[in-house]
Amino acid sequence: MADYTIWHNPKCTTSRFVLQALQDAGVDLTVRDYQAQPPTVAELRAALDRLGMAPRALLRRRNTPYDDLGLGDPSLTDDALIAAMAKHPAVIERPVVFGPRGARLCRPKETVFDMLAS
């Protein structure tokens, strides 16, 4: 099992930057195109726990079906948001990096360097 895993979108410049930084650092890395291989509800729950984030904080709004799915509705439960992320992975913000000392949403992209340095 790799030391680091990135939930990556190859079409995203921020995600490509973070992937390149991880590769340049020479870490043992697993790359997961999270849209082609969406995380399950259980994986999303575990990721949110490691990130210390609420589901709403991991939602991507721009260029996604966020509005069409009504994900801005404040009455939606965490369970409903997680289910929507599992079904529509485009609404998951990226890139998410999991490492030996935690997990981070690497936005801004330079956050990856803090993760590698810790």
PDB file of N, CA and C in Angstrom:
ATOM      1  N   MET A   1       0.838  -1.181   0.000  1.00  0.00           N
ATOM      2  CA  MET A   1       0.000   0.000   0.000  1.00  0.00           C
ATOM      3  C   MET A   1       0.887   1.250   0.000  1.00  0.00           C
ATOM      4  N   ALA A   2       0.536   2.213  -0.790  1.00  0.00           N
ATOM      5  CA  ALA A   2       1.320   3.427  -0.923  1.00  0.00           C
ATOM      6  C   ALA A   2       1.206   4.294   0.329  1.00  0.00           C
ATOM      7  N   ASP A   3       2.225   5.112   0.553  1.00  0.00           N
ATOM      8  CA  ASP A   3       2.205   6.044   1.679  1.00  0.00           C
ATOM      9  C   ASP A   3       1.209   7.171   1.448  1.00  0.00           C
ATOM     10  N   TYR A   4       1.062   7.575   0.189  1.00  0.00           N
ATOM     11  CA  TYR A   4       0.171   8.679  -0.159  1.00  0.00           C
ATOM     12  C   TYR A   4      -0.830   8.224  -1.213  1.00  0.00           C
ATOM     13  N   THR A   5      -2.030   8.772  -1.118  1.00  0.00           N
ATOM     14  CA  THR A   5      -3.061   8.570  -2.128  1.00  0.00           C
ATOM     15  C   THR A   5      -3.629   9.932  -2.461  1.00  0.00           C
ATOM     16  N   ILE A   6      -3.822  10.174  -3.751  1.00  0.00           N
ATOM     17  CA  ILE A   6      -4.455  11.409  -4.184  1.00  0.00           C
ATOM     18  C   ILE A   6      -5.740  11.073  -4.911  1.00  0.00           C
ATOM     19  N   TRP A   7      -6.822  11.754  -4.522  1.00  0.00           N
ATOM     20  CA  TRP A   7      -8.051  11.730  -5.301  1.00  0.00           C
ATOM     21  C   TRP A   7      -7.864  12.815  -6.333  1.00  0.00           C
ATOM     22  N   HIS A   8      -7.665  12.398  -7.559  1.00  0.00           N
ATOM     23  CA  HIS A   8      -7.160  13.244  -8.631  1.00  0.00           C
ATOM     24  C   HIS A   8      -8.161  13.380  -9.766  1.00  0.00           C
ATOM     25  N   ASN A   9      -8.187  14.573 -10.346  1.00  0.00           N
ATOM     26  CA  ASN A   9      -8.927  14.809 -11.584  1.00  0.00           C
ATOM     27  C   ASN A   9      -7.907  15.287 -12.610  1.00  0.00           C
ATOM     28  N   PRO A  10      -7.599  14.459 -13.610  1.00  0.00           N
ATOM     29  CA  PRO A  10      -6.562  14.824 -14.573  1.00  0.00           C
ATOM     30  C   PRO A  10      -6.887  16.069 -15.399  1.00  0.00           C
ATOM     31  N   LYS A  11      -8.147  16.508 -15.402  1.00  0.00           N
ATOM     32  CA  LYS A  11      -8.529  17.704 -16.155  1.00  0.00           C
ATOM     33  C   LYS A  11      -8.306  18.990 -15.352  1.00  0.00           C
ATOM     34  N   CYS A  12      -8.005  18.876 -14.082  1.00  0.00           N
ATOM     35  CA  CYS A  12      -7.896  20.021 -13.173  1.00  0.00           C
ATOM     36  C   CYS A  12      -6.433  20.444 -13.020  1.00  0.00           C
ATOM     37  N   THR A  13      -6.152  21.719 -13.289  1.00  0.00           N
ATOM     38  CA  THR A  13      -4.763  22.203 -13.184  1.00  0.00           C
ATOM     39  C   THR A  13      -4.252  22.136 -11.749  1.00  0.00           C
ATOM     40  N   THR A  14      -5.097  22.426 -10.776  1.00  0.00           N
ATOM     41  CA  THR A  14      -4.665  22.337  -9.380  1.00  0.00           C
ATOM     42  C   THR A  14      -4.321  20.897  -9.027  1.00  0.00           C
ATOM     43  N   SER A  15      -5.148  19.975  -9.443  1.00  0.00           N
ATOM     44  CA  SER A  15      -4.907  18.567  -9.165  1.00  0.00           C
ATOM     45  C   SER A  15      -3.624  18.088  -9.852  1.00  0.00           C
ATOM     46  N   ARG A  16      -3.405  18.519 -11.074  1.00  0.00           N
ATOM     47  CA  ARG A  16      -2.175  18.135 -11.782  1.00  0.00           C
ATOM     48  C   ARG A  16      -0.940  18.710 -11.083  1.00  0.00           C
ATOM     49  N   PHE A  17      -1.019  19.942 -10.591  1.00  0.00           N
ATOM     50  CA  PHE A  17       0.089  20.557  -9.860  1.00  0.00           C
ATOM     51  C   PHE A  17       0.426  19.733  -8.620  1.00  0.00           C
ATOM     52  N   VAL A  18      -0.610  19.376  -7.846  1.00  0.00           N
ATOM     53  CA  VAL A  18      -0.401  18.617  -6.614  1.00  0.00           C
ATOM     54  C   VAL A  18       0.168  17.237  -6.925  1.00  0.00           C
ATOM     55  N   LEU A  19      -0.348  16.582  -7.942  1.00  0.00           N
ATOM     56  CA  LEU A  19       0.186  15.279  -8.344  1.00  0.00           C
ATOM     57  C   LEU A  19       1.656  15.396  -8.712  1.00  0.00           C
ATOM     58  N   GLN A  20       2.004  16.407  -9.486  1.00  0.00           N
ATOM     59  CA  GLN A  20       3.401  16.592  -9.885  1.00  0.00           C
ATOM     60  C   GLN A  20       4.295  16.841  -8.668  1.00  0.00           C
ATOM     61  N   ALA A  21       3.812  17.624  -7.723  1.00  0.00           N
ATOM     62  CA  ALA A  21       4.583  17.889  -6.502  1.00  0.00           C
ATOM     63  C   ALA A  21       4.833  16.601  -5.721  1.00  0.00           C
ATOM     64  N   LEU A  22       3.822  15.760  -5.629  1.00  0.00           N
ATOM     65  CA  LEU A  22       3.983  14.475  -4.946  1.00  0.00           C
ATOM     66  C   LEU A  22       4.969  13.576  -5.685  1.00  0.00           C
ATOM     67  N   GLN A  23       4.859  13.539  -7.004  1.00  0.00           N
ATOM     68  CA  GLN A  23       5.785  12.738  -7.801  1.00  0.00           C
ATOM     69  C   GLN A  23       7.206  13.270  -7.677  1.00  0.00           C
ATOM     70  N   ASP A  24       7.360  14.597  -7.719  1.00  0.00           N
ATOM     71  CA  ASP A  24       8.688  15.201  -7.585  1.00  0.00           C
ATOM     72  C   ASP A  24       9.308  14.911  -6.225  1.00  0.00           C
ATOM     73  N   ALA A  25       8.456  14.781  -5.194  1.00  0.00           N
ATOM     74  CA  ALA A  25       8.941  14.471  -3.850  1.00  0.00           C
ATOM     75  C   ALA A  25       9.345  13.005  -3.717  1.00  0.00           C
ATOM     76  N   GLY A  26       8.985  12.199  -4.701  1.00  0.00           N
ATOM     77  CA  GLY A  26       9.379  10.791  -4.708  1.00  0.00           C
ATOM     78  C   GLY A  26       8.639   9.921  -3.712  1.00  0.00           C
ATOM     79  N   VAL A  27       7.449  10.347  -3.301  1.00  0.00           N
ATOM     80  CA  VAL A  27       6.694   9.538  -2.344  1.00  0.00           C
ATOM     81  C   VAL A  27       6.071   8.331  -3.041  1.00  0.00           C
ATOM     82  N   ASP A  28       5.823   7.298  -2.255  1.00  0.00           N
ATOM     83  CA  ASP A  28       5.108   6.121  -2.751  1.00  0.00           C
ATOM     84  C   ASP A  28       3.649   6.537  -2.891  1.00  0.00           C
ATOM     85  N   LEU A  29       3.116   6.515  -4.112  1.00  0.00           N
ATOM     86  CA  LEU A  29       1.864   7.198  -4.409  1.00  0.00           C
ATOM     87  C   LEU A  29       0.881   6.324  -5.167  1.00  0.00           C
ATOM     88  N   THR A  30      -0.370   6.387  -4.736  1.00  0.00           N
ATOM     89  CA  THR A  30      -1.476   5.813  -5.483  1.00  0.00           C
ATOM     90  C   THR A  30      -2.298   6.969  -6.021  1.00  0.00           C
ATOM     91  N   VAL A  31      -2.582   6.944  -7.317  1.00  0.00           N
ATOM     92  CA  VAL A  31      -3.385   7.980  -7.962  1.00  0.00           C
ATOM     93  C   VAL A  31      -4.749   7.382  -8.253  1.00  0.00           C
ATOM     94  N   ARG A  32      -5.769   8.036  -7.741  1.00  0.00           N
ATOM     95  CA  ARG A  32      -7.132   7.564  -7.960  1.00  0.00           C
ATOM     96  C   ARG A  32      -7.926   8.662  -8.660  1.00  0.00           C
ATOM     97  N   ASP A  33      -8.318   8.391  -9.880  1.00  0.00           N
ATOM     98  CA  ASP A  33      -9.215   9.300 -10.594  1.00  0.00           C
ATOM     99  C   ASP A  33     -10.577   9.095  -9.957  1.00  0.00           C
ATOM    100  N   TYR A  34     -10.906   9.974  -9.031  1.00  0.00           N
ATOM    101  CA  TYR A  34     -12.096   9.766  -8.210  1.00  0.00           C
ATOM    102  C   TYR A  34     -13.399   9.915  -8.989  1.00  0.00           C
ATOM    103  N   GLN A  35     -13.338  10.466 -10.195  1.00  0.00           N
ATOM    104  CA  GLN A  35     -14.563  10.533 -10.989  1.00  0.00           C
ATOM    105  C   GLN A  35     -14.768   9.235 -11.767  1.00  0.00           C
ATOM    106  N   ALA A  36     -13.684   8.626 -12.215  1.00  0.00           N
ATOM    107  CA  ALA A  36     -13.778   7.341 -12.910  1.00  0.00           C
ATOM    108  C   ALA A  36     -14.001   6.198 -11.918  1.00  0.00           C
ATOM    109  N   GLN A  37     -13.467   6.361 -10.707  1.00  0.00           N
ATOM    110  CA  GLN A  37     -13.587   5.353  -9.648  1.00  0.00           C
ATOM    111  C   GLN A  37     -14.088   6.066  -8.383  1.00  0.00           C
ATOM    112  N   PRO A  38     -15.387   6.388  -8.341  1.00  0.00           N
ATOM    113  CA  PRO A  38     -15.922   7.190  -7.237  1.00  0.00           C
ATOM    114  C   PRO A  38     -15.759   6.509  -5.877  1.00  0.00           C
ATOM    115  N   PRO A  39     -15.504   7.318  -4.857  1.00  0.00           N
ATOM    116  CA  PRO A  39     -15.461   6.754  -3.508  1.00  0.00           C
ATOM    117  C   PRO A  39     -16.855   6.327  -3.065  1.00  0.00           C
ATOM    118  N   THR A  40     -16.891   5.296  -2.269  1.00  0.00           N
ATOM    119  CA  THR A  40     -18.154   4.816  -1.713  1.00  0.00           C
ATOM    120  C   THR A  40     -18.577   5.732  -0.562  1.00  0.00           C
ATOM    121  N   VAL A  41     -19.788   5.543  -0.101  1.00  0.00           N
ATOM    122  CA  VAL A  41     -20.263   6.294   1.057  1.00  0.00           C
ATOM    123  C   VAL A  41     -19.326   6.059   2.243  1.00  0.00           C
ATOM    124  N   ALA A  42     -18.933   4.811   2.463  1.00  0.00           N
ATOM    125  CA  ALA A  42     -18.034   4.493   3.584  1.00  0.00           C
ATOM    126  C   ALA A  42     -16.679   5.174   3.409  1.00  0.00           C
ATOM    127  N   GLU A  43     -16.146   5.175   2.189  1.00  0.00           N
ATOM    128  CA  GLU A  43     -14.861   5.837   1.943  1.00  0.00           C
ATOM    129  C   GLU A  43     -14.978   7.347   2.145  1.00  0.00           C
ATOM    130  N   LEU A  44     -16.091   7.922   1.734  1.00  0.00           N
ATOM    131  CA  LEU A  44     -16.304   9.355   1.945  1.00  0.00           C
ATOM    132  C   LEU A  44     -16.386   9.679   3.437  1.00  0.00           C
ATOM    133  N   ARG A  45     -17.090   8.858   4.189  1.00  0.00           N
ATOM    134  CA  ARG A  45     -17.172   9.084   5.639  1.00  0.00           C
ATOM    135  C   ARG A  45     -15.782   9.015   6.274  1.00  0.00           C
ATOM    136  N   ALA A  46     -15.012   8.018   5.889  1.00  0.00           N
ATOM    137  CA  ALA A  46     -13.658   7.872   6.434  1.00  0.00           C
ATOM    138  C   ALA A  46     -12.773   9.059   6.021  1.00  0.00           C
ATOM    139  N   ALA A  47     -12.906   9.495   4.779  1.00  0.00           N
ATOM    140  CA  ALA A  47     -12.122  10.629   4.304  1.00  0.00           C
ATOM    141  C   ALA A  47     -12.480  11.894   5.069  1.00  0.00           C
ATOM    142  N   LEU A  48     -13.774  12.147   5.241  1.00  0.00           N
ATOM    143  CA  LEU A  48     -14.209  13.334   5.974  1.00  0.00           C
ATOM    144  C   LEU A  48     -13.714  13.299   7.408  1.00  0.00           C
ATOM    145  N   ASP A  49     -13.709  12.123   8.004  1.00  0.00           N
ATOM    146  CA  ASP A  49     -13.192  11.974   9.367  1.00  0.00           C
ATOM    147  C   ASP A  49     -11.705  12.316   9.420  1.00  0.00           C
ATOM    148  N   ARG A  50     -10.939  11.779   8.480  1.00  0.00           N
ATOM    149  CA  ARG A  50      -9.489  12.068   8.446  1.00  0.00           C
ATOM    150  C   ARG A  50      -9.223  13.536   8.153  1.00  0.00           C
ATOM    151  N   LEU A  51     -10.056  14.135   7.304  1.00  0.00           N
ATOM    152  CA  LEU A  51      -9.895  15.549   6.967  1.00  0.00           C
ATOM    153  C   LEU A  51     -10.368  16.461   8.094  1.00  0.00           C
ATOM    154  N   GLY A  52     -11.218  15.940   8.979  1.00  0.00           N
ATOM    155  CA  GLY A  52     -11.805  16.771  10.023  1.00  0.00           C
ATOM    156  C   GLY A  52     -12.765  17.793   9.438  1.00  0.00           C
ATOM    157  N   MET A  53     -13.481  17.385   8.386  1.00  0.00           N
ATOM    158  CA  MET A  53     -14.372  18.293   7.666  1.00  0.00           C
ATOM    159  C   MET A  53     -15.805  17.775   7.703  1.00  0.00           C
ATOM    160  N   ALA A  54     -16.719  18.721   7.625  1.00  0.00           N
ATOM    161  CA  ALA A  54     -18.121  18.379   7.411  1.00  0.00           C
ATOM    162  C   ALA A  54     -18.325  18.162   5.917  1.00  0.00           C
ATOM    163  N   PRO A  55     -19.304  17.361   5.528  1.00  0.00           N
ATOM    164  CA  PRO A  55     -19.526  17.100   4.103  1.00  0.00           C
ATOM    165  C   PRO A  55     -19.684  18.367   3.259  1.00  0.00           C
ATOM    166  N   ARG A  56     -20.386  19.340   3.771  1.00  0.00           N
ATOM    167  CA  ARG A  56     -20.621  20.560   3.001  1.00  0.00           C
ATOM    168  C   ARG A  56     -19.307  21.263   2.631  1.00  0.00           C
ATOM    169  N   ALA A  57     -18.292  21.137   3.478  1.00  0.00           N
ATOM    170  CA  ALA A  57     -16.992  21.778   3.228  1.00  0.00           C
ATOM    171  C   ALA A  57     -16.223  21.109   2.092  1.00  0.00           C
ATOM    172  N   LEU A  58     -16.604  19.901   1.729  1.00  0.00           N
ATOM    173  CA  LEU A  58     -15.922  19.172   0.661  1.00  0.00           C
ATOM    174  C   LEU A  58     -16.683  19.237  -0.663  1.00  0.00           C
ATOM    175  N   LEU A  59     -17.733  20.020  -0.706  1.00  0.00           N
ATOM    176  CA  LEU A  59     -18.511  20.143  -1.940  1.00  0.00           C
ATOM    177  C   LEU A  59     -17.897  21.167  -2.884  1.00  0.00           C
ATOM    178  N   ARG A  60     -17.821  20.785  -4.136  1.00  0.00           N
ATOM    179  CA  ARG A  60     -17.359  21.687  -5.193  1.00  0.00           C
ATOM    180  C   ARG A  60     -18.593  22.252  -5.879  1.00  0.00           C
ATOM    181  N   ARG A  61     -18.603  23.542  -6.040  1.00  0.00           N
ATOM    182  CA  ARG A  61     -19.769  24.203  -6.622  1.00  0.00           C
ATOM    183  C   ARG A  61     -19.571  24.539  -8.100  1.00  0.00           C
ATOM    184  N   ARG A  62     -18.390  24.991  -8.449  1.00  0.00           N
ATOM    185  CA  ARG A  62     -18.126  25.456  -9.811  1.00  0.00           C
ATOM    186  C   ARG A  62     -18.026  24.304 -10.808  1.00  0.00           C
ATOM    187  N   ASN A  63     -18.675  24.473 -11.944  1.00  0.00           N
ATOM    188  CA  ASN A  63     -18.598  23.497 -13.042  1.00  0.00           C
ATOM    189  C   ASN A  63     -19.006  22.088 -12.623  1.00  0.00           C
ATOM    190  N   THR A  64     -20.018  22.012 -11.773  1.00  0.00           N
ATOM    191  CA  THR A  64     -20.535  20.724 -11.313  1.00  0.00           C
ATOM    192  C   THR A  64     -22.066  20.796 -11.311  1.00  0.00           C
ATOM    193  N   PRO A  65     -22.707  19.660 -11.076  1.00  0.00           N
ATOM    194  CA  PRO A  65     -24.174  19.674 -10.967  1.00  0.00           C
ATOM    195  C   PRO A  65     -24.670  20.128  -9.588  1.00  0.00           C
ATOM    196  N   TYR A  66     -23.839  20.809  -8.813  1.00  0.00           N
ATOM    197  CA  TYR A  66     -24.187  21.261  -7.464  1.00  0.00           C
ATOM    198  C   TYR A  66     -25.552  21.954  -7.432  1.00  0.00           C
ATOM    199  N   ASP A  67     -25.728  22.966  -8.285  1.00  0.00           N
ATOM    200  CA  ASP A  67     -26.996  23.707  -8.284  1.00  0.00           C
ATOM    201  C   ASP A  67     -28.155  22.847  -8.778  1.00  0.00           C
ATOM    202  N   ASP A  68     -27.914  22.081  -9.838  1.00  0.00           N
ATOM    203  CA  ASP A  68     -28.971  21.222 -10.385  1.00  0.00           C
ATOM    204  C   ASP A  68     -29.452  20.189  -9.359  1.00  0.00           C
ATOM    205  N   LEU A  69     -28.541  19.749  -8.503  1.00  0.00           N
ATOM    206  CA  LEU A  69     -28.888  18.755  -7.482  1.00  0.00           C
ATOM    207  C   LEU A  69     -29.465  19.401  -6.222  1.00  0.00           C
ATOM    208  N   GLY A  70     -29.459  20.719  -6.163  1.00  0.00           N
ATOM    209  CA  GLY A  70     -29.995  21.414  -4.990  1.00  0.00           C
ATOM    210  C   GLY A  70     -29.157  21.255  -3.742  1.00  0.00           C
ATOM    211  N   LEU A  71     -27.831  21.079  -3.913  1.00  0.00           N
ATOM    212  CA  LEU A  71     -26.969  20.799  -2.770  1.00  0.00           C
ATOM    213  C   LEU A  71     -26.746  22.009  -1.862  1.00  0.00           C
ATOM    214  N   GLY A  72     -27.167  23.172  -2.302  1.00  0.00           N
ATOM    215  CA  GLY A  72     -27.067  24.355  -1.454  1.00  0.00           C
ATOM    216  C   GLY A  72     -28.181  24.441  -0.426  1.00  0.00           C
ATOM    217  N   ASP A  73     -29.141  23.541  -0.504  1.00  0.00           N
ATOM    218  CA  ASP A  73     -30.273  23.532   0.424  1.00  0.00           C
ATOM    219  C   ASP A  73     -29.754  23.259   1.846  1.00  0.00           C
ATOM    220  N   PRO A  74     -29.880  24.227   2.760  1.00  0.00           N
ATOM    221  CA  PRO A  74     -29.346  24.041   4.110  1.00  0.00           C
ATOM    222  C   PRO A  74     -30.051  22.946   4.913  1.00  0.00           C
ATOM    223  N   SER A  75     -31.204  22.488   4.447  1.00  0.00           N
ATOM    224  CA  SER A  75     -31.910  21.441   5.182  1.00  0.00           C
ATOM    225  C   SER A  75     -31.382  20.039   4.861  1.00  0.00           C
ATOM    226  N   LEU A  76     -30.512  19.918   3.859  1.00  0.00           N
ATOM    227  CA  LEU A  76     -29.963  18.603   3.530  1.00  0.00           C
ATOM    228  C   LEU A  76     -29.063  18.103   4.655  1.00  0.00           C
ATOM    229  N   THR A  77     -29.235  16.856   5.004  1.00  0.00           N
ATOM    230  CA  THR A  77     -28.432  16.253   6.070  1.00  0.00           C
ATOM    231  C   THR A  77     -27.053  15.871   5.546  1.00  0.00           C
ATOM    232  N   ASP A  78     -26.154  15.614   6.471  1.00  0.00           N
ATOM    233  CA  ASP A  78     -24.827  15.130   6.084  1.00  0.00           C
ATOM    234  C   ASP A  78     -24.944  13.833   5.286  1.00  0.00           C
ATOM    235  N   ASP A  79     -25.847  12.950   5.706  1.00  0.00           N
ATOM    236  CA  ASP A  79     -26.048  11.689   4.988  1.00  0.00           C
ATOM    237  C   ASP A  79     -26.466  11.944   3.542  1.00  0.00           C
ATOM    238  N   ALA A  80     -27.359  12.907   3.333  1.00  0.00           N
ATOM    239  CA  ALA A  80     -27.817  13.226   1.978  1.00  0.00           C
ATOM    240  C   ALA A  80     -26.680  13.800   1.139  1.00  0.00           C
ATOM    241  N   LEU A  81     -25.865  14.646   1.746  1.00  0.00           N
ATOM    242  CA  LEU A  81     -24.735  15.231   1.011  1.00  0.00           C
ATOM    243  C   LEU A  81     -23.704  14.166   0.641  1.00  0.00           C
ATOM    244  N   ILE A  82     -23.410  13.279   1.566  1.00  0.00           N
ATOM    245  CA  ILE A  82     -22.452  12.196   1.298  1.00  0.00           C
ATOM    246  C   ILE A  82     -22.986  11.278   0.208  1.00  0.00           C
ATOM    247  N   ALA A  83     -24.258  10.959   0.256  1.00  0.00           N
ATOM    248  CA  ALA A  83     -24.863  10.115  -0.785  1.00  0.00           C
ATOM    249  C   ALA A  83     -24.769  10.801  -2.146  1.00  0.00           C
ATOM    250  N   ALA A  84     -24.977  12.115  -2.185  1.00  0.00           N
ATOM    251  CA  ALA A  84     -24.867  12.853  -3.449  1.00  0.00           C
ATOM    252  C   ALA A  84     -23.434  12.837  -3.969  1.00  0.00           C
ATOM    253  N   MET A  85     -22.460  12.962  -3.076  1.00  0.00           N
ATOM    254  CA  MET A  85     -21.051  12.916  -3.498  1.00  0.00           C
ATOM    255  C   MET A  85     -20.695  11.546  -4.060  1.00  0.00           C
ATOM    256  N   ALA A  86     -21.207  10.488  -3.441  1.00  0.00           N
ATOM    257  CA  ALA A  86     -20.918   9.143  -3.925  1.00  0.00           C
ATOM    258  C   ALA A  86     -21.549   8.911  -5.296  1.00  0.00           C
ATOM    259  N   LYS A  87     -22.728   9.454  -5.497  1.00  0.00           N
ATOM    260  CA  LYS A  87     -23.440   9.260  -6.761  1.00  0.00           C
ATOM    261  C   LYS A  87     -22.948  10.206  -7.856  1.00  0.00           C
ATOM    262  N   HIS A  88     -22.521  11.399  -7.470  1.00  0.00           N
ATOM    263  CA  HIS A  88     -22.073  12.434  -8.411  1.00  0.00           C
ATOM    264  C   HIS A  88     -20.698  12.939  -7.977  1.00  0.00           C
ATOM    265  N   PRO A  89     -19.639  12.167  -8.214  1.00  0.00           N
ATOM    266  CA  PRO A  89     -18.321  12.537  -7.691  1.00  0.00           C
ATOM    267  C   PRO A  89     -17.782  13.877  -8.205  1.00  0.00           C
ATOM    268  N   ALA A  90     -18.354  14.417  -9.259  1.00  0.00           N
ATOM    269  CA  ALA A  90     -17.901  15.728  -9.750  1.00  0.00           C
ATOM    270  C   ALA A  90     -18.110  16.812  -8.699  1.00  0.00           C
ATOM    271  N   VAL A  91     -19.014  16.591  -7.745  1.00  0.00           N
ATOM    272  CA  VAL A  91     -19.264  17.613  -6.725  1.00  0.00           C
ATOM    273  C   VAL A  91     -18.286  17.519  -5.552  1.00  0.00           C
ATOM    274  N   ILE A  92     -17.342  16.581  -5.614  1.00  0.00           N
ATOM    275  CA  ILE A  92     -16.312  16.482  -4.578  1.00  0.00           C
ATOM    276  C   ILE A  92     -15.178  17.435  -4.956  1.00  0.00           C
ATOM    277  N   GLU A  93     -14.802  18.305  -4.014  1.00  0.00           N
ATOM    278  CA  GLU A  93     -13.693  19.223  -4.254  1.00  0.00           C
ATOM    279  C   GLU A  93     -12.404  18.416  -4.362  1.00  0.00           C
ATOM    280  N   ARG A  94     -11.462  18.948  -5.113  1.00  0.00           N
ATOM    281  CA  ARG A  94     -10.213  18.232  -5.340  1.00  0.00           C
ATOM    282  C   ARG A  94      -9.062  19.201  -5.347  1.00  0.00           C
ATOM    283  N   PRO A  95      -7.870  18.651  -5.214  1.00  0.00           N
ATOM    284  CA  PRO A  95      -7.506  17.264  -4.922  1.00  0.00           C
ATOM    285  C   PRO A  95      -7.457  17.007  -3.414  1.00  0.00           C
ATOM    286  N   VAL A  96      -7.781  15.802  -3.048  1.00  0.00           N
ATOM    287  CA  VAL A  96      -7.656  15.370  -1.656  1.00  0.00           C
ATOM    288  C   VAL A  96      -6.461  14.435  -1.603  1.00  0.00           C
ATOM    289  N   VAL A  97      -5.579  14.684  -0.645  1.00  0.00           N
ATOM    290  CA  VAL A  97      -4.383  13.861  -0.485  1.00  0.00           C
ATOM    291  C   VAL A  97      -4.409  13.230   0.899  1.00  0.00           C
ATOM    292  N   PHE A  98      -4.177  11.934   0.927  1.00  0.00           N
ATOM    293  CA  PHE A  98      -4.097  11.169   2.166  1.00  0.00           C
ATOM    294  C   PHE A  98      -2.655  10.734   2.337  1.00  0.00           C
ATOM    295  N   GLY A  99      -2.094  11.005   3.495  1.00  0.00           N
ATOM    296  CA  GLY A  99      -0.704  10.647   3.750  1.00  0.00           C
ATOM    297  C   GLY A  99      -0.546   9.981   5.096  1.00  0.00           C
ATOM    298  N   PRO A 100       0.682   9.642   5.434  1.00  0.00           N
ATOM    299  CA  PRO A 100       0.925   8.927   6.685  1.00  0.00           C
ATOM    300  C   PRO A 100       0.577   9.731   7.935  1.00  0.00           C
ATOM    301  N   ARG A 101       0.542  11.060   7.814  1.00  0.00           N
ATOM    302  CA  ARG A 101       0.248  11.898   8.979  1.00  0.00           C
ATOM    303  C   ARG A 101      -1.038  12.696   8.820  1.00  0.00           C
ATOM    304  N   GLY A 102      -1.956  12.184   8.014  1.00  0.00           N
ATOM    305  CA  GLY A 102      -3.231  12.865   7.889  1.00  0.00           C
ATOM    306  C   GLY A 102      -3.692  13.010   6.457  1.00  0.00           C
ATOM    307  N   ALA A 103      -4.686  13.847   6.291  1.00  0.00           N
ATOM    308  CA  ALA A 103      -5.272  14.087   4.974  1.00  0.00           C
ATOM    309  C   ALA A 103      -5.529  15.574   4.834  1.00  0.00           C
ATOM    310  N   ARG A 104      -5.474  16.048   3.593  1.00  0.00           N
ATOM    311  CA  ARG A 104      -5.730  17.463   3.337  1.00  0.00           C
ATOM    312  C   ARG A 104      -6.422  17.642   1.997  1.00  0.00           C
ATOM    313  N   LEU A 105      -7.311  18.620   1.978  1.00  0.00           N
ATOM    314  CA  LEU A 105      -7.808  19.143   0.715  1.00  0.00           C
ATOM    315  C   LEU A 105      -6.756  20.153   0.284  1.00  0.00           C
ATOM    316  N   CYS A 106      -6.099  19.890  -0.810  1.00  0.00           N
ATOM    317  CA  CYS A 106      -4.970  20.732  -1.233  1.00  0.00           C
ATOM    318  C   CYS A 106      -5.436  21.922  -2.062  1.00  0.00           C
ATOM    319  N   ARG A 107      -6.156  22.792  -1.402  1.00  0.00           N
ATOM    320  CA  ARG A 107      -6.583  24.085  -1.941  1.00  0.00           C
ATOM    321  C   ARG A 107      -6.297  25.108  -0.873  1.00  0.00           C
ATOM    322  N   PRO A 108      -5.436  26.031  -1.091  1.00  0.00           N
ATOM    323  CA  PRO A 108      -4.711  26.238  -2.335  1.00  0.00           C
ATOM    324  C   PRO A 108      -3.705  25.113  -2.585  1.00  0.00           C
ATOM    325  N   LYS A 109      -3.268  25.019  -3.811  1.00  0.00           N
ATOM    326  CA  LYS A 109      -2.424  23.897  -4.242  1.00  0.00           C
ATOM    327  C   LYS A 109      -1.127  23.790  -3.452  1.00  0.00           C
ATOM    328  N   GLU A 110      -0.615  24.910  -2.959  1.00  0.00           N
ATOM    329  CA  GLU A 110       0.649  24.901  -2.220  1.00  0.00           C
ATOM    330  C   GLU A 110       0.532  24.182  -0.874  1.00  0.00           C
ATOM    331  N   THR A 111      -0.682  23.882  -0.455  1.00  0.00           N
ATOM    332  CA  THR A 111      -0.912  23.134   0.781  1.00  0.00           C
ATOM    333  C   THR A 111      -0.187  21.795   0.745  1.00  0.00           C
ATOM    334  N   VAL A 112       0.015  21.258  -0.429  1.00  0.00           N
ATOM    335  CA  VAL A 112       0.702  19.974  -0.545  1.00  0.00           C
ATOM    336  C   VAL A 112       2.108  20.048   0.037  1.00  0.00           C
ATOM    337  N   PHE A 113       2.771  21.200  -0.083  1.00  0.00           N
ATOM    338  CA  PHE A 113       4.130  21.323   0.439  1.00  0.00           C
ATOM    339  C   PHE A 113       4.139  21.274   1.964  1.00  0.00           C
ATOM    340  N   ASP A 114       3.119  21.850   2.603  1.00  0.00           N
ATOM    341  CA  ASP A 114       3.007  21.761   4.058  1.00  0.00           C
ATOM    342  C   ASP A 114       2.825  20.311   4.468  1.00  0.00           C
ATOM    343  N   MET A 115       2.031  19.587   3.703  1.00  0.00           N
ATOM    344  CA  MET A 115       1.780  18.189   4.011  1.00  0.00           C
ATOM    345  C   MET A 115       3.064  17.354   3.875  1.00  0.00           C
ATOM    346  N   LEU A 116       3.817  17.624   2.835  1.00  0.00           N
ATOM    347  CA  LEU A 116       5.056  16.877   2.605  1.00  0.00           C
ATOM    348  C   LEU A 116       6.114  17.220   3.659  1.00  0.00           C
ATOM    349  N   ALA A 117       6.098  18.443   4.154  1.00  0.00           N
ATOM    350  CA  ALA A 117       7.099  18.884   5.124  1.00  0.00           C
ATOM    351  C   ALA A 117       6.812  18.391   6.545  1.00  0.00           C
ATOM    352  N   SER A 118       5.560  18.057   6.813  1.00  0.00           N
ATOM    353  CA  SER A 118       5.205  17.681   8.198  1.00  0.00           C
ATOM    354  C   SER A 118       5.537  16.241   8.493  1.00  0.00           C
TER     355      SER A 118
END
